[in-house]
Amino acid sequence: MHIMICSDLHWDKDFDPKIELDVLTGRAYPLNQNAVFQQLISSAEFNTLTADDLICIAGDVAEGAAGIRHCLTELRAHTAATIVAVMGNHDYAKTALAQITVDQIQADLPERVHLLDNQVVELAGVRVLGCTLWTNPDPEFHEVGQNLMPEYAQVDNQDGQPLSVTDTLAAHHQSVAWLNAELAKPFTGKTVVMTHHAPSFISQHDKYRFDELSEFFCVNLEDLINQHQPELWIHGHLHEPVDYELEATRIISAPLGYPDERKGNYRPAVLMI
């Protein structure tokens, strides 16, 4: 099985400024006018995928629930491969960090498109465990994260109140408990974990390694990784690609990032598992 890996596509950033995008009502993003989307679906990496292959998207597809729903649907129309994705912090914009948000998106997705939120899907002897993950920042950084990270200004909690670090911390603990339980289950095939947030600070670029916001991008799950040793862990959120190993686990990220961060044509990662 080939797996194409990408994240942080932020496709809402790639339209002519004259095009008004509506992340609230779900009016379709005109992806036929999006040069980066067209570049991806025209790439050799994308067009060599078959019905036996997998596309893994580790979050931040577009701004808001309507954006990720529409973009995943449009992407599926151009490939026979199965698509598996997780929500990023930007995908929750203008909505709530609540199960109903994910349920509503999932209900509208076409066949062979899976949006995972503390959920697992099995495909041809490969299981993919997916969640946003969030992080466990040191309490001394809670206030700065609350003030500077976009999710706390753009997302509500399940009670309709502005999202807080306390809310994302609770979501993180729930996801870690779920990952531990799921990874402990016997499985004879290969295991892929996909999260939006990075599971190790090794993924963080050196220039941000000691930034006070770094703990809102990465969390140290190295003990969990070493205990369960999944074959592959895919993440996003950081806009620099990584590819390294922790014990028997390969950790990889292949982000596109914002328009002003990009270096030439985007090349998603493709590997065999």
Protein backbone atom coordinates (compact mmCIF):
# COMPACT_ATOMS: atom_id res chain seq x y z
CA MET A 1 0.00 0.00 0.00
CA HIS A 2 1.21 3.50 -0.88
CA ILE A 3 0.40 6.28 1.57
CA MET A 4 0.44 9.90 0.43
CA ILE A 5 0.98 12.21 3.39
CA CYS A 6 0.09 15.88 3.60
CA SER A 7 -1.11 18.46 6.12
CA ASP A 8 -1.66 22.14 6.72
CA LEU A 9 -2.97 22.69 3.22
CA HIS A 10 -4.84 25.86 4.26
CA TRP A 11 -6.57 25.90 0.90
CA ASP A 12 -8.74 28.86 1.91
CA LYS A 13 -5.57 31.00 1.67
CA ASP A 14 -5.03 30.29 -2.04
CA PHE A 15 -7.87 32.16 -3.69
CA ASP A 16 -7.96 35.50 -5.41
CA PRO A 17 -8.81 38.08 -2.71
CA LYS A 18 -11.86 39.08 -4.77
CA ILE A 19 -13.41 35.66 -4.12
CA GLU A 20 -15.49 35.81 -0.95
CA LEU A 21 -15.21 32.60 1.07
CA ASP A 22 -17.94 31.71 3.53
CA VAL A 23 -16.83 29.27 6.23
CA LEU A 24 -20.11 29.62 8.10
CA THR A 25 -22.74 28.63 5.55
CA GLY A 26 -20.66 26.06 3.71
CA ARG A 27 -20.86 27.73 0.31
CA ALA A 28 -18.45 25.73 -1.81
CA TYR A 29 -14.88 26.92 -2.10
CA PRO A 30 -14.29 27.17 -5.89
CA LEU A 31 -11.34 24.78 -5.94
CA ASN A 32 -11.23 24.85 -9.73
CA GLN A 33 -9.89 28.38 -9.19
CA ASN A 34 -7.34 27.30 -6.58
CA ALA A 35 -3.91 26.92 -8.17
CA VAL A 36 -2.43 24.89 -5.30
CA PHE A 37 -5.32 22.40 -5.30
CA GLN A 38 -4.96 22.03 -9.06
CA GLN A 39 -1.21 21.54 -8.69
CA LEU A 40 -1.75 18.73 -6.18
CA ILE A 41 -4.30 16.81 -8.22
CA SER A 42 -2.08 17.16 -11.28
CA SER A 43 1.05 15.90 -9.53
CA ALA A 44 2.67 12.57 -10.32
CA GLU A 45 2.46 11.58 -6.65
CA PHE A 46 -1.31 12.04 -6.65
CA ASN A 47 -1.99 10.45 -10.00
CA THR A 48 -0.05 7.25 -9.33
CA LEU A 49 -2.37 6.37 -6.43
CA THR A 50 -4.86 3.56 -6.95
CA ALA A 51 -7.89 2.20 -5.11
CA ASP A 52 -5.49 0.15 -2.97
CA ASP A 53 -3.73 3.27 -1.67
CA LEU A 54 -4.31 5.82 1.04
CA ILE A 55 -4.16 9.59 1.38
CA CYS A 56 -3.54 10.76 4.96
CA ILE A 57 -4.24 14.43 5.73
CA ALA A 58 -3.11 15.50 9.20
CA GLY A 59 -5.37 18.50 9.68
CA ASP A 60 -5.77 22.17 8.77
CA VAL A 61 -7.28 21.51 5.37
CA ALA A 62 -9.15 24.81 5.34
CA GLU A 63 -10.68 27.31 7.71
CA GLY A 64 -13.81 25.96 9.37
CA ALA A 65 -15.91 22.83 9.29
CA ALA A 66 -17.55 23.72 5.99
CA GLY A 67 -14.13 24.17 4.44
CA ILE A 68 -12.72 20.77 5.42
CA ARG A 69 -15.94 19.02 4.42
CA HIS A 70 -16.00 20.58 0.96
CA CYS A 71 -12.26 20.19 0.32
CA LEU A 72 -12.20 16.50 1.28
CA THR A 73 -15.23 15.87 -0.91
CA GLU A 74 -13.63 17.61 -3.87
CA LEU A 75 -10.35 15.77 -3.38
CA ARG A 76 -12.14 12.42 -3.33
CA ALA A 77 -13.75 13.25 -6.69
CA HIS A 78 -10.27 13.24 -8.25
CA THR A 79 -8.86 9.98 -6.85
CA ALA A 80 -9.69 6.32 -6.37
CA ALA A 81 -7.61 6.22 -3.19
CA THR A 82 -9.18 6.19 0.26
CA ILE A 83 -8.81 9.46 2.17
CA VAL A 84 -8.29 9.57 5.93
CA ALA A 85 -8.06 12.90 7.76
CA VAL A 86 -8.08 14.43 11.22
CA MET A 87 -9.23 17.86 12.30
CA GLY A 88 -6.65 20.57 12.85
CA ASN A 89 -7.15 23.59 15.07
CA HIS A 90 -8.07 25.73 12.04
CA ASP A 91 -10.65 23.20 10.86
CA TYR A 92 -12.63 23.96 14.02
CA ALA A 93 -12.78 27.71 13.28
CA LYS A 94 -16.22 29.32 13.72
CA THR A 95 -17.61 26.15 15.27
CA ALA A 96 -17.20 24.14 18.48
CA LEU A 97 -14.70 21.64 19.83
CA ALA A 98 -17.47 19.10 20.28
CA GLN A 99 -18.38 15.66 19.00
CA ILE A 100 -21.38 17.06 17.14
CA THR A 101 -19.05 19.14 14.94
CA VAL A 102 -17.18 16.06 13.74
CA ASP A 103 -20.39 14.01 13.48
CA GLN A 104 -21.96 16.59 11.18
CA ILE A 105 -18.92 16.68 8.90
CA GLN A 106 -18.68 12.89 8.82
CA ALA A 107 -22.35 12.58 7.87
CA ASP A 108 -21.79 14.61 4.71
CA LEU A 109 -18.59 12.97 3.48
CA PRO A 110 -18.61 10.62 0.47
CA GLU A 111 -17.74 6.96 0.55
CA ARG A 112 -14.09 6.14 1.34
CA VAL A 113 -13.45 9.45 3.07
CA HIS A 114 -12.86 9.01 6.80
CA LEU A 115 -12.56 11.88 9.27
CA LEU A 116 -11.23 10.42 12.53
CA ASP A 117 -11.70 11.85 16.00
CA ASN A 118 -10.47 9.31 18.56
CA GLN A 119 -11.44 6.70 16.00
CA VAL A 120 -9.77 3.92 14.03
CA VAL A 121 -10.26 2.64 10.50
CA GLU A 122 -8.80 -0.59 9.09
CA LEU A 123 -7.87 -0.90 5.43
CA ALA A 124 -6.16 -3.92 3.85
CA GLY A 125 -4.24 -4.96 6.94
CA VAL A 126 -3.39 -1.43 8.04
CA ARG A 127 -5.13 0.29 10.93
CA VAL A 128 -5.11 4.09 11.14
CA LEU A 129 -5.74 5.68 14.53
CA GLY A 130 -6.66 9.33 14.28
CA CYS A 131 -7.28 12.31 16.55
CA THR A 132 -6.43 16.01 16.72
CA LEU A 133 -4.41 15.30 19.92
CA TRP A 134 -3.97 18.86 21.25
CA THR A 135 -1.20 19.29 23.84
CA ASN A 136 -0.34 19.46 27.53
CA PRO A 137 1.35 22.86 27.97
CA ASP A 138 3.06 23.83 31.19
CA PRO A 139 0.69 25.97 33.31
CA GLU A 140 3.08 28.92 33.10
CA PHE A 141 2.33 29.14 29.37
CA HIS A 142 -1.46 28.84 29.58
CA GLU A 143 -2.12 32.57 29.55
CA VAL A 144 0.13 33.37 26.60
CA GLY A 145 -1.34 30.47 24.61
CA GLN A 146 -4.87 31.55 25.45
CA ASN A 147 -4.07 35.04 24.16
CA LEU A 148 -2.08 34.14 21.05
CA MET A 149 -3.23 30.80 19.63
CA PRO A 150 -6.05 31.33 17.09
CA GLU A 151 -8.28 28.50 18.28
CA TYR A 152 -9.01 30.29 21.55
CA ALA A 153 -10.40 33.28 19.67
CA GLN A 154 -12.21 31.37 16.91
CA VAL A 155 -13.64 28.21 18.49
CA ASP A 156 -16.25 27.52 21.19
CA ASN A 157 -16.30 24.66 23.65
CA GLN A 158 -19.12 22.12 23.78
CA ASP A 159 -21.09 24.43 26.10
CA GLY A 160 -21.02 27.30 23.63
CA GLN A 161 -18.45 29.29 25.59
CA PRO A 162 -15.13 30.55 24.18
CA LEU A 163 -12.60 27.73 24.02
CA SER A 164 -10.00 27.70 26.80
CA VAL A 165 -6.72 25.93 27.45
CA THR A 166 -8.59 23.91 30.05
CA ASP A 167 -10.87 22.60 27.28
CA THR A 168 -8.05 21.58 24.94
CA LEU A 169 -6.13 20.05 27.84
CA ALA A 170 -9.14 17.87 28.65
CA ALA A 171 -9.41 16.87 24.98
CA HIS A 172 -5.71 15.99 24.98
CA HIS A 173 -5.98 13.73 28.01
CA GLN A 174 -8.99 12.00 26.46
CA SER A 175 -7.09 11.37 23.23
CA VAL A 176 -3.98 10.06 24.98
CA ALA A 177 -6.07 7.65 27.04
CA TRP A 178 -7.82 6.49 23.88
CA LEU A 179 -4.52 6.04 22.00
CA ASN A 180 -3.05 4.01 24.85
CA ALA A 181 -6.08 1.74 24.98
CA GLU A 182 -6.33 1.30 21.22
CA LEU A 183 -2.63 0.70 20.65
CA ALA A 184 -2.67 -1.96 23.37
CA LYS A 185 -5.19 -4.04 21.43
CA PRO A 186 -3.61 -6.96 19.54
CA PHE A 187 -3.30 -6.31 15.82
CA THR A 188 -1.47 -8.47 13.31
CA GLY A 189 -1.18 -5.82 10.61
CA LYS A 190 0.63 -2.49 10.55
CA THR A 191 -0.36 0.50 12.65
CA VAL A 192 -0.42 4.15 11.59
CA VAL A 193 -1.20 6.93 14.05
CA MET A 194 -2.23 10.30 12.65
CA THR A 195 -2.57 13.44 14.74
CA HIS A 196 -2.54 17.14 13.99
CA HIS A 197 -0.27 18.10 16.88
CA ALA A 198 3.25 16.69 16.99
CA PRO A 199 3.97 13.81 19.42
CA SER A 200 7.55 14.89 20.16
CA PHE A 201 9.46 18.15 20.46
CA ILE A 202 12.00 16.65 18.07
CA SER A 203 9.55 17.72 15.37
CA GLN A 204 9.86 21.38 16.33
CA HIS A 205 12.22 23.51 14.25
CA ASP A 206 15.33 24.57 16.16
CA LYS A 207 14.45 28.26 15.96
CA TYR A 208 11.17 27.62 17.80
CA ARG A 209 12.34 24.82 20.12
CA PHE A 210 12.29 27.04 23.22
CA ASP A 211 9.52 29.40 22.17
CA GLU A 212 6.82 29.76 24.82
CA LEU A 213 4.16 28.76 22.27
CA SER A 214 6.00 25.58 21.29
CA GLU A 215 4.02 23.61 23.86
CA PHE A 216 0.86 24.40 21.91
CA PHE A 217 2.33 22.70 18.85
CA CYS A 218 4.10 19.67 20.33
CA VAL A 219 3.68 17.29 23.24
CA ASN A 220 6.09 14.67 24.55
CA LEU A 221 4.51 11.28 23.88
CA GLU A 222 7.83 9.50 23.43
CA ASP A 223 7.11 7.04 26.25
CA LEU A 224 3.81 6.09 24.62
CA ILE A 225 5.52 5.69 21.25
CA ASN A 226 8.31 3.56 22.69
CA GLN A 227 5.82 1.39 24.57
CA HIS A 228 3.57 0.61 21.60
CA GLN A 229 5.92 1.21 18.65
CA PRO A 230 3.45 1.81 15.83
CA GLU A 231 5.09 1.58 12.42
CA LEU A 232 4.24 5.15 11.46
CA TRP A 233 3.12 8.38 13.14
CA ILE A 234 1.93 11.19 10.87
CA HIS A 235 1.39 14.72 12.17
CA GLY A 236 0.89 18.29 11.01
CA HIS A 237 0.57 21.72 12.69
CA LEU A 238 4.26 22.61 12.27
CA HIS A 239 4.91 24.12 8.86
CA GLU A 240 8.31 22.49 8.36
CA PRO A 241 8.57 18.87 7.10
CA VAL A 242 10.14 16.23 9.33
CA ASP A 243 11.08 12.58 8.89
CA TYR A 244 12.84 10.75 11.72
CA GLU A 245 12.59 7.65 13.87
CA LEU A 246 11.90 7.02 17.54
CA GLU A 247 12.80 3.41 18.25
CA ALA A 248 10.79 1.43 15.67
CA THR A 249 8.40 4.27 14.81
CA ARG A 250 8.87 6.55 11.83
CA ILE A 251 7.53 10.06 12.46
CA ILE A 252 6.76 12.13 9.41
CA SER A 253 5.10 15.39 8.46
CA ALA A 254 4.68 16.94 5.01
CA PRO A 255 2.98 20.32 5.43
CA LEU A 256 2.16 22.84 2.74
CA GLY A 257 1.81 25.82 5.10
CA TYR A 258 0.78 29.40 4.45
CA PRO A 259 1.47 31.04 1.06
CA ASP A 260 4.38 33.13 2.37
CA GLU A 261 6.09 30.06 3.85
CA ARG A 262 6.21 27.89 0.76
CA LYS A 263 9.37 27.00 -1.10
CA GLY A 264 8.61 26.05 -4.70
CA ASN A 265 6.05 23.48 -5.77
CA TYR A 266 4.52 21.42 -2.99
CA ARG A 267 5.54 17.77 -2.88
CA PRO A 268 3.54 15.57 -0.52
CA ALA A 269 5.38 12.62 0.99
CA VAL A 270 4.64 9.18 -0.45
CA LEU A 271 5.80 5.95 1.16
CA MET A 272 5.10 2.23 1.19
CA ILE A 273 3.83 0.44 4.25
